Amino acid sequence: MKRPSHRPERVSELIRQHVGAWLTSEVRDPRIGFVTVIGVEVSPDLSHANVRVSVMGTEEEKAKSLEGLASAARYLRAQLANELSLRTSPELHFHLDRGIEHAQRIDRVLKELKESDD
């Protein structure tokens, strides 16, 4: 019986660390604002990586940041290929993760409900 491979998880974590480091030190694109990597899911064959990011700012700023990330994806893929020494580096796809916004909205509603009860 074949054991499940943990390689996609390891590659996901390496990509998350690398992209996070790139965002904090090497970003040159003015469209990319304050972006945090929330998580990375890599396909079982390691050909695609979905990178979930949180972006601070207005909806327009979020859209611009995603545009900037999409245009940097090929450059980042090449960097990953060099640094991670993978046979093929996954194609990067950036997606907005609204989990933090959602949690903040819930928190705000709960506070308002608590205040209205007092």
PDB file of N, CA and C in Angstrom:
ATOM      1  N   MET A   1       0.840  -1.187   0.000  1.00  0.00           N
ATOM      2  CA  MET A   1       0.000   0.000   0.000  1.00  0.00           C
ATOM      3  C   MET A   1       0.885   1.251   0.000  1.00  0.00           C
ATOM      4  N   LYS A   2       0.537   2.207  -0.851  1.00  0.00           N
ATOM      5  CA  LYS A   2       1.338   3.418  -0.990  1.00  0.00           C
ATOM      6  C   LYS A   2       0.976   4.423   0.108  1.00  0.00           C
ATOM      7  N   ARG A   3       2.000   4.921   0.785  1.00  0.00           N
ATOM      8  CA  ARG A   3       1.770   5.934   1.823  1.00  0.00           C
ATOM      9  C   ARG A   3       1.520   7.288   1.176  1.00  0.00           C
ATOM     10  N   PRO A   4       0.645   8.096   1.787  1.00  0.00           N
ATOM     11  CA  PRO A   4       0.416   9.433   1.218  1.00  0.00           C
ATOM     12  C   PRO A   4       1.683  10.278   1.338  1.00  0.00           C
ATOM     13  N   SER A   5       1.946  11.056   0.308  1.00  0.00           N
ATOM     14  CA  SER A   5       3.142  11.895   0.291  1.00  0.00           C
ATOM     15  C   SER A   5       2.884  13.190   1.056  1.00  0.00           C
ATOM     16  N   HIS A   6       3.867  13.595   1.835  1.00  0.00           N
ATOM     17  CA  HIS A   6       3.764  14.873   2.541  1.00  0.00           C
ATOM     18  C   HIS A   6       4.492  15.969   1.769  1.00  0.00           C
ATOM     19  N   ARG A   7       4.985  15.621   0.599  1.00  0.00           N
ATOM     20  CA  ARG A   7       5.748  16.578  -0.198  1.00  0.00           C
ATOM     21  C   ARG A   7       4.942  17.831  -0.546  1.00  0.00           C
ATOM     22  N   PRO A   8       3.673  17.704  -1.004  1.00  0.00           N
ATOM     23  CA  PRO A   8       2.925  18.938  -1.298  1.00  0.00           C
ATOM     24  C   PRO A   8       2.851  19.886  -0.090  1.00  0.00           C
ATOM     25  N   GLU A   9       2.678  19.337   1.127  1.00  0.00           N
ATOM     26  CA  GLU A   9       2.635  20.205   2.315  1.00  0.00           C
ATOM     27  C   GLU A   9       3.976  20.891   2.548  1.00  0.00           C
ATOM     28  N   ARG A  10       5.065  20.134   2.367  1.00  0.00           N
ATOM     29  CA  ARG A  10       6.392  20.731   2.558  1.00  0.00           C
ATOM     30  C   ARG A  10       6.646  21.823   1.522  1.00  0.00           C
ATOM     31  N   VAL A  11       6.293  21.534   0.271  1.00  0.00           N
ATOM     32  CA  VAL A  11       6.488  22.534  -0.795  1.00  0.00           C
ATOM     33  C   VAL A  11       5.599  23.754  -0.532  1.00  0.00           C
ATOM     34  N   SER A  12       4.355  23.530  -0.072  1.00  0.00           N
ATOM     35  CA  SER A  12       3.449  24.643   0.258  1.00  0.00           C
ATOM     36  C   SER A  12       4.076  25.565   1.295  1.00  0.00           C
ATOM     37  N   GLU A  13       4.635  24.963   2.333  1.00  0.00           N
ATOM     38  CA  GLU A  13       5.241  25.757   3.410  1.00  0.00           C
ATOM     39  C   GLU A  13       6.459  26.524   2.895  1.00  0.00           C
ATOM     40  N   LEU A  14       7.288  25.897   2.070  1.00  0.00           N
ATOM     41  CA  LEU A  14       8.450  26.588   1.498  1.00  0.00           C
ATOM     42  C   LEU A  14       8.020  27.757   0.622  1.00  0.00           C
ATOM     43  N   ILE A  15       6.970  27.555  -0.168  1.00  0.00           N
ATOM     44  CA  ILE A  15       6.462  28.639  -1.030  1.00  0.00           C
ATOM     45  C   ILE A  15       5.918  29.769  -0.164  1.00  0.00           C
ATOM     46  N   ARG A  16       5.166  29.415   0.886  1.00  0.00           N
ATOM     47  CA  ARG A  16       4.595  30.437   1.776  1.00  0.00           C
ATOM     48  C   ARG A  16       5.720  31.289   2.381  1.00  0.00           C
ATOM     49  N   GLN A  17       6.775  30.629   2.852  1.00  0.00           N
ATOM     50  CA  GLN A  17       7.898  31.357   3.454  1.00  0.00           C
ATOM     51  C   GLN A  17       8.598  32.240   2.422  1.00  0.00           C
ATOM     52  N   HIS A  18       8.852  31.685   1.236  1.00  0.00           N
ATOM     53  CA  HIS A  18       9.584  32.427   0.212  1.00  0.00           C
ATOM     54  C   HIS A  18       8.793  33.645  -0.268  1.00  0.00           C
ATOM     55  N   VAL A  19       7.505  33.430  -0.574  1.00  0.00           N
ATOM     56  CA  VAL A  19       6.676  34.547  -1.066  1.00  0.00           C
ATOM     57  C   VAL A  19       6.526  35.591   0.035  1.00  0.00           C
ATOM     58  N   GLY A  20       6.353  35.157   1.278  1.00  0.00           N
ATOM     59  CA  GLY A  20       6.267  36.097   2.394  1.00  0.00           C
ATOM     60  C   GLY A  20       7.527  36.939   2.532  1.00  0.00           C
ATOM     61  N   ALA A  21       8.684  36.293   2.414  1.00  0.00           N
ATOM     62  CA  ALA A  21       9.961  37.019   2.505  1.00  0.00           C
ATOM     63  C   ALA A  21      10.095  37.998   1.340  1.00  0.00           C
ATOM     64  N   TRP A  22       9.692  37.572   0.145  1.00  0.00           N
ATOM     65  CA  TRP A  22       9.755  38.452  -1.025  1.00  0.00           C
ATOM     66  C   TRP A  22       8.875  39.677  -0.805  1.00  0.00           C
ATOM     67  N   LEU A  23       7.680  39.468  -0.257  1.00  0.00           N
ATOM     68  CA  LEU A  23       6.754  40.581  -0.027  1.00  0.00           C
ATOM     69  C   LEU A  23       7.302  41.592   0.983  1.00  0.00           C
ATOM     70  N   THR A  24       8.071  41.110   1.960  1.00  0.00           N
ATOM     71  CA  THR A  24       8.577  42.040   2.978  1.00  0.00           C
ATOM     72  C   THR A  24       9.872  42.726   2.575  1.00  0.00           C
ATOM     73  N   SER A  25      10.592  42.180   1.571  1.00  0.00           N
ATOM     74  CA  SER A  25      11.896  42.781   1.294  1.00  0.00           C
ATOM     75  C   SER A  25      12.161  43.182  -0.146  1.00  0.00           C
ATOM     76  N   GLU A  26      11.538  42.531  -1.117  1.00  0.00           N
ATOM     77  CA  GLU A  26      11.966  42.760  -2.502  1.00  0.00           C
ATOM     78  C   GLU A  26      10.919  43.345  -3.448  1.00  0.00           C
ATOM     79  N   VAL A  27       9.722  43.631  -2.960  1.00  0.00           N
ATOM     80  CA  VAL A  27       8.665  44.110  -3.854  1.00  0.00           C
ATOM     81  C   VAL A  27       9.023  45.472  -4.425  1.00  0.00           C
ATOM     82  N   ARG A  28       8.969  45.572  -5.755  1.00  0.00           N
ATOM     83  CA  ARG A  28       9.254  46.840  -6.435  1.00  0.00           C
ATOM     84  C   ARG A  28       7.992  47.422  -7.095  1.00  0.00           C
ATOM     85  N   ASP A  29       6.950  46.613  -7.209  1.00  0.00           N
ATOM     86  CA  ASP A  29       5.729  47.028  -7.909  1.00  0.00           C
ATOM     87  C   ASP A  29       4.891  47.936  -7.007  1.00  0.00           C
ATOM     88  N   PRO A  30       4.661  49.198  -7.435  1.00  0.00           N
ATOM     89  CA  PRO A  30       3.902  50.127  -6.587  1.00  0.00           C
ATOM     90  C   PRO A  30       2.436  49.708  -6.387  1.00  0.00           C
ATOM     91  N   ARG A  31       1.934  48.818  -7.243  1.00  0.00           N
ATOM     92  CA  ARG A  31       0.541  48.366  -7.092  1.00  0.00           C
ATOM     93  C   ARG A  31       0.377  47.471  -5.876  1.00  0.00           C
ATOM     94  N   ILE A  32       1.447  46.797  -5.481  1.00  0.00           N
ATOM     95  CA  ILE A  32       1.354  45.839  -4.386  1.00  0.00           C
ATOM     96  C   ILE A  32       1.463  46.573  -3.057  1.00  0.00           C
ATOM     97  N   GLY A  33       0.360  46.552  -2.302  1.00  0.00           N
ATOM     98  CA  GLY A  33       0.313  47.232  -1.008  1.00  0.00           C
ATOM     99  C   GLY A  33       0.736  46.318   0.121  1.00  0.00           C
ATOM    100  N   PHE A  34       0.066  46.468   1.264  1.00  0.00           N
ATOM    101  CA  PHE A  34       0.389  45.659   2.435  1.00  0.00           C
ATOM    102  C   PHE A  34      -0.287  44.305   2.283  1.00  0.00           C
ATOM    103  N   VAL A  35       0.492  43.294   1.891  1.00  0.00           N
ATOM    104  CA  VAL A  35      -0.022  41.957   1.596  1.00  0.00           C
ATOM    105  C   VAL A  35       0.588  40.951   2.561  1.00  0.00           C
ATOM    106  N   THR A  36      -0.256  40.056   3.081  1.00  0.00           N
ATOM    107  CA  THR A  36       0.198  38.983   3.960  1.00  0.00           C
ATOM    108  C   THR A  36      -0.201  37.653   3.344  1.00  0.00           C
ATOM    109  N   VAL A  37       0.734  36.709   3.302  1.00  0.00           N
ATOM    110  CA  VAL A  37       0.420  35.375   2.792  1.00  0.00           C
ATOM    111  C   VAL A  37      -0.278  34.603   3.908  1.00  0.00           C
ATOM    112  N   ILE A  38      -1.507  34.169   3.643  1.00  0.00           N
ATOM    113  CA  ILE A  38      -2.295  33.436   4.629  1.00  0.00           C
ATOM    114  C   ILE A  38      -2.011  31.938   4.534  1.00  0.00           C
ATOM    115  N   GLY A  39      -1.911  31.442   3.308  1.00  0.00           N
ATOM    116  CA  GLY A  39      -1.646  30.022   3.136  1.00  0.00           C
ATOM    117  C   GLY A  39      -1.388  29.685   1.686  1.00  0.00           C
ATOM    118  N   VAL A  40      -0.869  28.489   1.465  1.00  0.00           N
ATOM    119  CA  VAL A  40      -0.577  28.019   0.109  1.00  0.00           C
ATOM    120  C   VAL A  40      -1.042  26.574  -0.004  1.00  0.00           C
ATOM    121  N   GLU A  41      -1.784  26.277  -1.066  1.00  0.00           N
ATOM    122  CA  GLU A  41      -2.146  24.891  -1.358  1.00  0.00           C
ATOM    123  C   GLU A  41      -1.518  24.521  -2.693  1.00  0.00           C
ATOM    124  N   VAL A  42      -0.784  23.424  -2.684  1.00  0.00           N
ATOM    125  CA  VAL A  42      -0.115  22.957  -3.897  1.00  0.00           C
ATOM    126  C   VAL A  42      -0.842  21.724  -4.401  1.00  0.00           C
ATOM    127  N   SER A  43      -1.014  21.632  -5.718  1.00  0.00           N
ATOM    128  CA  SER A  43      -1.661  20.459  -6.304  1.00  0.00           C
ATOM    129  C   SER A  43      -0.781  19.226  -6.071  1.00  0.00           C
ATOM    130  N   PRO A  44      -1.385  18.030  -6.038  1.00  0.00           N
ATOM    131  CA  PRO A  44      -0.609  16.808  -5.763  1.00  0.00           C
ATOM    132  C   PRO A  44       0.586  16.607  -6.703  1.00  0.00           C
ATOM    133  N   ASP A  45       0.457  17.050  -7.966  1.00  0.00           N
ATOM    134  CA  ASP A  45       1.572  16.904  -8.909  1.00  0.00           C
ATOM    135  C   ASP A  45       2.542  18.095  -8.869  1.00  0.00           C
ATOM    136  N   LEU A  46       2.318  19.014  -7.946  1.00  0.00           N
ATOM    137  CA  LEU A  46       3.172  20.194  -7.727  1.00  0.00           C
ATOM    138  C   LEU A  46       3.216  21.151  -8.923  1.00  0.00           C
ATOM    139  N   SER A  47       2.225  21.081  -9.805  1.00  0.00           N
ATOM    140  CA  SER A  47       2.254  21.957 -10.983  1.00  0.00           C
ATOM    141  C   SER A  47       1.581  23.311 -10.733  1.00  0.00           C
ATOM    142  N   HIS A  48       0.728  23.383  -9.732  1.00  0.00           N
ATOM    143  CA  HIS A  48       0.024  24.639  -9.423  1.00  0.00           C
ATOM    144  C   HIS A  48       0.050  24.898  -7.924  1.00  0.00           C
ATOM    145  N   ALA A  49       0.141  26.186  -7.582  1.00  0.00           N
ATOM    146  CA  ALA A  49       0.082  26.583  -6.173  1.00  0.00           C
ATOM    147  C   ALA A  49      -0.900  27.737  -6.055  1.00  0.00           C
ATOM    148  N   ASN A  50      -1.917  27.547  -5.227  1.00  0.00           N
ATOM    149  CA  ASN A  50      -2.863  28.619  -4.934  1.00  0.00           C
ATOM    150  C   ASN A  50      -2.388  29.322  -3.678  1.00  0.00           C
ATOM    151  N   VAL A  51      -2.050  30.597  -3.839  1.00  0.00           N
ATOM    152  CA  VAL A  51      -1.515  31.394  -2.733  1.00  0.00           C
ATOM    153  C   VAL A  51      -2.629  32.314  -2.245  1.00  0.00           C
ATOM    154  N   ARG A  52      -3.065  32.083  -0.992  1.00  0.00           N
ATOM    155  CA  ARG A  52      -4.116  32.917  -0.409  1.00  0.00           C
ATOM    156  C   ARG A  52      -3.460  34.076   0.325  1.00  0.00           C
ATOM    157  N   VAL A  53      -3.894  35.298  -0.018  1.00  0.00           N
ATOM    158  CA  VAL A  53      -3.308  36.488   0.586  1.00  0.00           C
ATOM    159  C   VAL A  53      -4.388  37.376   1.190  1.00  0.00           C
ATOM    160  N   SER A  54      -3.984  38.106   2.205  1.00  0.00           N
ATOM    161  CA  SER A  54      -4.831  39.129   2.811  1.00  0.00           C
ATOM    162  C   SER A  54      -4.213  40.464   2.415  1.00  0.00           C
ATOM    163  N   VAL A  55      -5.054  41.405   2.002  1.00  0.00           N
ATOM    164  CA  VAL A  55      -4.559  42.706   1.562  1.00  0.00           C
ATOM    165  C   VAL A  55      -5.285  43.797   2.335  1.00  0.00           C
ATOM    166  N   MET A  56      -4.522  44.705   2.925  1.00  0.00           N
ATOM    167  CA  MET A  56      -5.120  45.840   3.637  1.00  0.00           C
ATOM    168  C   MET A  56      -5.492  46.913   2.616  1.00  0.00           C
ATOM    169  N   GLY A  57      -6.603  47.613   2.869  1.00  0.00           N
ATOM    170  CA  GLY A  57      -6.963  48.734   2.018  1.00  0.00           C
ATOM    171  C   GLY A  57      -8.359  48.620   1.441  1.00  0.00           C
ATOM    172  N   THR A  58      -8.658  49.532   0.525  1.00  0.00           N
ATOM    173  CA  THR A  58      -9.969  49.577  -0.125  1.00  0.00           C
ATOM    174  C   THR A  58     -10.070  48.433  -1.135  1.00  0.00           C
ATOM    175  N   GLU A  59     -11.271  48.224  -1.643  1.00  0.00           N
ATOM    176  CA  GLU A  59     -11.461  47.182  -2.668  1.00  0.00           C
ATOM    177  C   GLU A  59     -10.589  47.466  -3.890  1.00  0.00           C
ATOM    178  N   GLU A  60     -10.456  48.744  -4.249  1.00  0.00           N
ATOM    179  CA  GLU A  60      -9.623  49.128  -5.399  1.00  0.00           C
ATOM    180  C   GLU A  60      -8.149  48.798  -5.137  1.00  0.00           C
ATOM    181  N   GLU A  61      -7.672  49.098  -3.923  1.00  0.00           N
ATOM    182  CA  GLU A  61      -6.287  48.797  -3.565  1.00  0.00           C
ATOM    183  C   GLU A  61      -6.050  47.284  -3.558  1.00  0.00           C
ATOM    184  N   LYS A  62      -7.044  46.534  -3.097  1.00  0.00           N
ATOM    185  CA  LYS A  62      -6.929  45.074  -3.081  1.00  0.00           C
ATOM    186  C   LYS A  62      -6.827  44.539  -4.499  1.00  0.00           C
ATOM    187  N   ALA A  63      -7.659  45.068  -5.399  1.00  0.00           N
ATOM    188  CA  ALA A  63      -7.634  44.641  -6.797  1.00  0.00           C
ATOM    189  C   ALA A  63      -6.286  44.969  -7.435  1.00  0.00           C
ATOM    190  N   LYS A  64      -5.751  46.161  -7.145  1.00  0.00           N
ATOM    191  CA  LYS A  64      -4.445  46.554  -7.699  1.00  0.00           C
ATOM    192  C   LYS A  64      -3.331  45.659  -7.165  1.00  0.00           C
ATOM    193  N   SER A  65      -3.393  45.327  -5.880  1.00  0.00           N
ATOM    194  CA  SER A  65      -2.380  44.443  -5.299  1.00  0.00           C
ATOM    195  C   SER A  65      -2.420  43.074  -5.967  1.00  0.00           C
ATOM    196  N   LEU A  66      -3.632  42.548  -6.191  1.00  0.00           N
ATOM    197  CA  LEU A  66      -3.754  41.250  -6.862  1.00  0.00           C
ATOM    198  C   LEU A  66      -3.211  41.314  -8.286  1.00  0.00           C
ATOM    199  N   GLU A  67      -3.465  42.429  -8.972  1.00  0.00           N
ATOM    200  CA  GLU A  67      -2.909  42.624 -10.334  1.00  0.00           C
ATOM    201  C   GLU A  67      -1.389  42.579 -10.285  1.00  0.00           C
ATOM    202  N   GLY A  68      -0.817  43.304  -9.339  1.00  0.00           N
ATOM    203  CA  GLY A  68       0.643  43.341  -9.198  1.00  0.00           C
ATOM    204  C   GLY A  68       1.210  41.964  -8.889  1.00  0.00           C
ATOM    205  N   LEU A  69       0.526  41.234  -8.006  1.00  0.00           N
ATOM    206  CA  LEU A  69       0.983  39.880  -7.666  1.00  0.00           C
ATOM    207  C   LEU A  69       0.895  38.963  -8.882  1.00  0.00           C
ATOM    208  N   ALA A  70      -0.186  39.088  -9.643  1.00  0.00           N
ATOM    209  CA  ALA A  70      -0.352  38.253 -10.836  1.00  0.00           C
ATOM    210  C   ALA A  70       0.767  38.531 -11.837  1.00  0.00           C
ATOM    211  N   SER A  71       1.146  39.812 -11.984  1.00  0.00           N
ATOM    212  CA  SER A  71       2.210  40.117 -12.946  1.00  0.00           C
ATOM    213  C   SER A  71       3.584  39.683 -12.422  1.00  0.00           C
ATOM    214  N   ALA A  72       3.730  39.558 -11.106  1.00  0.00           N
ATOM    215  CA  ALA A  72       5.003  39.120 -10.523  1.00  0.00           C
ATOM    216  C   ALA A  72       5.091  37.593 -10.436  1.00  0.00           C
ATOM    217  N   ALA A  73       4.000  36.890 -10.720  1.00  0.00           N
ATOM    218  CA  ALA A  73       3.936  35.440 -10.518  1.00  0.00           C
ATOM    219  C   ALA A  73       5.016  34.695 -11.300  1.00  0.00           C
ATOM    220  N   ARG A  74       5.258  35.082 -12.550  1.00  0.00           N
ATOM    221  CA  ARG A  74       6.276  34.384 -13.359  1.00  0.00           C
ATOM    222  C   ARG A  74       7.671  34.608 -12.793  1.00  0.00           C
ATOM    223  N   TYR A  75       7.939  35.837 -12.372  1.00  0.00           N
ATOM    224  CA  TYR A  75       9.229  36.146 -11.758  1.00  0.00           C
ATOM    225  C   TYR A  75       9.413  35.316 -10.484  1.00  0.00           C
ATOM    226  N   LEU A  76       8.373  35.299  -9.648  1.00  0.00           N
ATOM    227  CA  LEU A  76       8.436  34.534  -8.395  1.00  0.00           C
ATOM    228  C   LEU A  76       8.614  33.046  -8.660  1.00  0.00           C
ATOM    229  N   ARG A  77       7.944  32.547  -9.692  1.00  0.00           N
ATOM    230  CA  ARG A  77       8.068  31.126 -10.037  1.00  0.00           C
ATOM    231  C   ARG A  77       9.521  30.795 -10.393  1.00  0.00           C
ATOM    232  N   ALA A  78      10.160  31.674 -11.148  1.00  0.00           N
ATOM    233  CA  ALA A  78      11.564  31.472 -11.525  1.00  0.00           C
ATOM    234  C   ALA A  78      12.461  31.506 -10.281  1.00  0.00           C
ATOM    235  N   GLN A  79      12.186  32.441  -9.367  1.00  0.00           N
ATOM    236  CA  GLN A  79      12.951  32.524  -8.125  1.00  0.00           C
ATOM    237  C   GLN A  79      12.802  31.233  -7.314  1.00  0.00           C
ATOM    238  N   LEU A  80      11.569  30.738  -7.235  1.00  0.00           N
ATOM    239  CA  LEU A  80      11.312  29.497  -6.494  1.00  0.00           C
ATOM    240  C   LEU A  80      12.069  28.331  -7.118  1.00  0.00           C
ATOM    241  N   ALA A  81      12.079  28.268  -8.444  1.00  0.00           N
ATOM    242  CA  ALA A  81      12.776  27.190  -9.144  1.00  0.00           C
ATOM    243  C   ALA A  81      14.262  27.184  -8.763  1.00  0.00           C
ATOM    244  N   ASN A  82      14.856  28.380  -8.678  1.00  0.00           N
ATOM    245  CA  ASN A  82      16.276  28.483  -8.299  1.00  0.00           C
ATOM    246  C   ASN A  82      16.509  28.104  -6.842  1.00  0.00           C
ATOM    247  N   GLU A  83      15.678  28.623  -5.968  1.00  0.00           N
ATOM    248  CA  GLU A  83      15.929  28.455  -4.534  1.00  0.00           C
ATOM    249  C   GLU A  83      15.489  27.102  -3.994  1.00  0.00           C
ATOM    250  N   LEU A  84      14.423  26.540  -4.531  1.00  0.00           N
ATOM    251  CA  LEU A  84      13.899  25.294  -3.968  1.00  0.00           C
ATOM    252  C   LEU A  84      14.395  24.057  -4.700  1.00  0.00           C
ATOM    253  N   SER A  85      15.131  24.257  -5.765  1.00  0.00           N
ATOM    254  CA  SER A  85      15.655  23.170  -6.601  1.00  0.00           C
ATOM    255  C   SER A  85      14.620  22.067  -6.869  1.00  0.00           C
ATOM    256  N   LEU A  86      13.468  22.513  -7.386  1.00  0.00           N
ATOM    257  CA  LEU A  86      12.411  21.575  -7.793  1.00  0.00           C
ATOM    258  C   LEU A  86      12.586  21.293  -9.277  1.00  0.00           C
ATOM    259  N   ARG A  87      12.186  20.108  -9.698  1.00  0.00           N
ATOM    260  CA  ARG A  87      12.266  19.777 -11.122  1.00  0.00           C
ATOM    261  C   ARG A  87      11.420  20.764 -11.926  1.00  0.00           C
ATOM    262  N   THR A  88      10.180  20.939 -11.492  1.00  0.00           N
ATOM    263  CA  THR A  88       9.326  21.971 -12.098  1.00  0.00           C
ATOM    264  C   THR A  88       8.749  22.791 -10.966  1.00  0.00           C
ATOM    265  N   SER A  89       8.830  24.087 -11.110  1.00  0.00           N
ATOM    266  CA  SER A  89       8.297  24.982 -10.094  1.00  0.00           C
ATOM    267  C   SER A  89       6.809  25.196 -10.369  1.00  0.00           C
ATOM    268  N   PRO A  90       5.965  25.186  -9.331  1.00  0.00           N
ATOM    269  CA  PRO A  90       4.527  25.339  -9.561  1.00  0.00           C
ATOM    270  C   PRO A  90       4.157  26.711 -10.112  1.00  0.00           C
ATOM    271  N   GLU A  91       3.122  26.727 -10.926  1.00  0.00           N
ATOM    272  CA  GLU A  91       2.553  27.970 -11.423  1.00  0.00           C
ATOM    273  C   GLU A  91       1.819  28.609 -10.254  1.00  0.00           C
ATOM    274  N   LEU A  92       2.072  29.897  -9.991  1.00  0.00           N
ATOM    275  CA  LEU A  92       1.473  30.564  -8.837  1.00  0.00           C
ATOM    276  C   LEU A  92       0.184  31.282  -9.224  1.00  0.00           C
ATOM    277  N   HIS A  93      -0.851  31.075  -8.408  1.00  0.00           N
ATOM    278  CA  HIS A  93      -2.144  31.746  -8.592  1.00  0.00           C
ATOM    279  C   HIS A  93      -2.471  32.436  -7.273  1.00  0.00           C
ATOM    280  N   PHE A  94      -2.652  33.756  -7.314  1.00  0.00           N
ATOM    281  CA  PHE A  94      -2.932  34.514  -6.093  1.00  0.00           C
ATOM    282  C   PHE A  94      -4.434  34.736  -5.942  1.00  0.00           C
ATOM    283  N   HIS A  95      -4.928  34.517  -4.714  1.00  0.00           N
ATOM    284  CA  HIS A  95      -6.355  34.675  -4.409  1.00  0.00           C
ATOM    285  C   HIS A  95      -6.496  35.489  -3.132  1.00  0.00           C
ATOM    286  N   LEU A  96      -7.501  36.350  -3.114  1.00  0.00           N
ATOM    287  CA  LEU A  96      -7.780  37.149  -1.931  1.00  0.00           C
ATOM    288  C   LEU A  96      -8.465  36.285  -0.883  1.00  0.00           C
ATOM    289  N   ASP A  97      -7.928  36.286   0.322  1.00  0.00           N
ATOM    290  CA  ASP A  97      -8.527  35.546   1.437  1.00  0.00           C
ATOM    291  C   ASP A  97      -9.222  36.573   2.323  1.00  0.00           C
ATOM    292  N   ARG A  98     -10.519  36.455   2.448  1.00  0.00           N
ATOM    293  CA  ARG A  98     -11.281  37.438   3.225  1.00  0.00           C
ATOM    294  C   ARG A  98     -11.590  36.957   4.640  1.00  0.00           C
ATOM    295  N   GLY A  99     -10.907  35.926   5.095  1.00  0.00           N
ATOM    296  CA  GLY A  99     -11.149  35.366   6.424  1.00  0.00           C
ATOM    297  C   GLY A  99     -10.954  36.370   7.548  1.00  0.00           C
ATOM    298  N   ILE A 100      -9.879  37.159   7.466  1.00  0.00           N
ATOM    299  CA  ILE A 100      -9.596  38.140   8.520  1.00  0.00           C
ATOM    300  C   ILE A 100     -10.674  39.219   8.524  1.00  0.00           C
ATOM    301  N   GLU A 101     -11.043  39.711   7.323  1.00  0.00           N
ATOM    302  CA  GLU A 101     -12.106  40.719   7.223  1.00  0.00           C
ATOM    303  C   GLU A 101     -13.402  40.179   7.818  1.00  0.00           C
ATOM    304  N   HIS A 102     -13.703  38.943   7.474  1.00  0.00           N
ATOM    305  CA  HIS A 102     -14.930  38.303   7.949  1.00  0.00           C
ATOM    306  C   HIS A 102     -14.925  38.216   9.475  1.00  0.00           C
ATOM    307  N   ALA A 103     -13.811  37.817  10.063  1.00  0.00           N
ATOM    308  CA  ALA A 103     -13.691  37.718  11.513  1.00  0.00           C
ATOM    309  C   ALA A 103     -13.847  39.092  12.171  1.00  0.00           C
ATOM    310  N   GLN A 104     -13.266  40.124  11.557  1.00  0.00           N
ATOM    311  CA  GLN A 104     -13.378  41.476  12.108  1.00  0.00           C
ATOM    312  C   GLN A 104     -14.829  41.959  12.059  1.00  0.00           C
ATOM    313  N   ARG A 105     -15.529  41.650  10.969  1.00  0.00           N
ATOM    314  CA  ARG A 105     -16.928  42.038  10.825  1.00  0.00           C
ATOM    315  C   ARG A 105     -17.778  41.363  11.903  1.00  0.00           C
ATOM    316  N   ILE A 106     -17.549  40.070  12.126  1.00  0.00           N
ATOM    317  CA  ILE A 106     -18.290  39.333  13.157  1.00  0.00           C
ATOM    318  C   ILE A 106     -18.012  39.944  14.529  1.00  0.00           C
ATOM    319  N   ASP A 107     -16.749  40.249  14.802  1.00  0.00           N
ATOM    320  CA  ASP A 107     -16.369  40.842  16.073  1.00  0.00           C
ATOM    321  C   ASP A 107     -17.078  42.179  16.286  1.00  0.00           C
ATOM    322  N   ARG A 108     -17.122  43.001  15.229  1.00  0.00           N
ATOM    323  CA  ARG A 108     -17.772  44.315  15.308  1.00  0.00           C
ATOM    324  C   ARG A 108     -19.268  44.154  15.614  1.00  0.00           C
ATOM    325  N   VAL A 109     -19.925  43.221  14.923  1.00  0.00           N
ATOM    326  CA  VAL A 109     -21.357  42.985  15.135  1.00  0.00           C
ATOM    327  C   VAL A 109     -21.608  42.514  16.567  1.00  0.00           C
ATOM    328  N   LEU A 110     -20.772  41.608  17.054  1.00  0.00           N
ATOM    329  CA  LEU A 110     -20.940  41.104  18.431  1.00  0.00           C
ATOM    330  C   LEU A 110     -20.776  42.225  19.446  1.00  0.00           C
ATOM    331  N   LYS A 111     -19.788  43.105  19.232  1.00  0.00           N
ATOM    332  CA  LYS A 111     -19.591  44.247  20.139  1.00  0.00           C
ATOM    333  C   LYS A 111     -20.808  45.167  20.122  1.00  0.00           C
ATOM    334  N   GLU A 112     -21.344  45.420  18.904  1.00  0.00           N
ATOM    335  CA  GLU A 112     -22.527  46.280  18.801  1.00  0.00           C
ATOM    336  C   GLU A 112     -23.724  45.640  19.512  1.00  0.00           C
ATOM    337  N   LEU A 113     -23.896  44.346  19.376  1.00  0.00           N
ATOM    338  CA  LEU A 113     -24.990  43.660  20.062  1.00  0.00           C
ATOM    339  C   LEU A 113     -24.826  43.731  21.577  1.00  0.00           C
ATOM    340  N   LYS A 114     -23.605  43.570  22.050  1.00  0.00           N
ATOM    341  CA  LYS A 114     -23.336  43.618  23.483  1.00  0.00           C
ATOM    342  C   LYS A 114     -23.620  45.016  24.021  1.00  0.00           C
ATOM    343  N   GLU A 115     -23.205  46.037  23.263  1.00  0.00           N
ATOM    344  CA  GLU A 115     -23.442  47.433  23.690  1.00  0.00           C
ATOM    345  C   GLU A 115     -24.928  47.760  23.726  1.00  0.00           C
ATOM    346  N   SER A 116     -25.692  47.208  22.780  1.00  0.00           N
ATOM    347  CA  SER A 116     -27.139  47.497  22.750  1.00  0.00           C
ATOM    348  C   SER A 116     -27.866  46.788  23.888  1.00  0.00           C
ATOM    349  N   ASP A 117     -27.279  45.701  24.409  1.00  0.00           N
ATOM    350  CA  ASP A 117     -27.878  44.987  25.549  1.00  0.00           C
ATOM    351  C   ASP A 117     -27.634  45.732  26.862  1.00  0.00           C
ATOM    352  N   ASP A 118     -26.520  46.473  26.933  1.00  0.00           N
ATOM    353  CA  ASP A 118     -26.157  47.150  28.198  1.00  0.00           C
ATOM    354  C   ASP A 118     -27.035  48.330  28.495  1.00  0.00           C
TER     355      ASP A 118
END
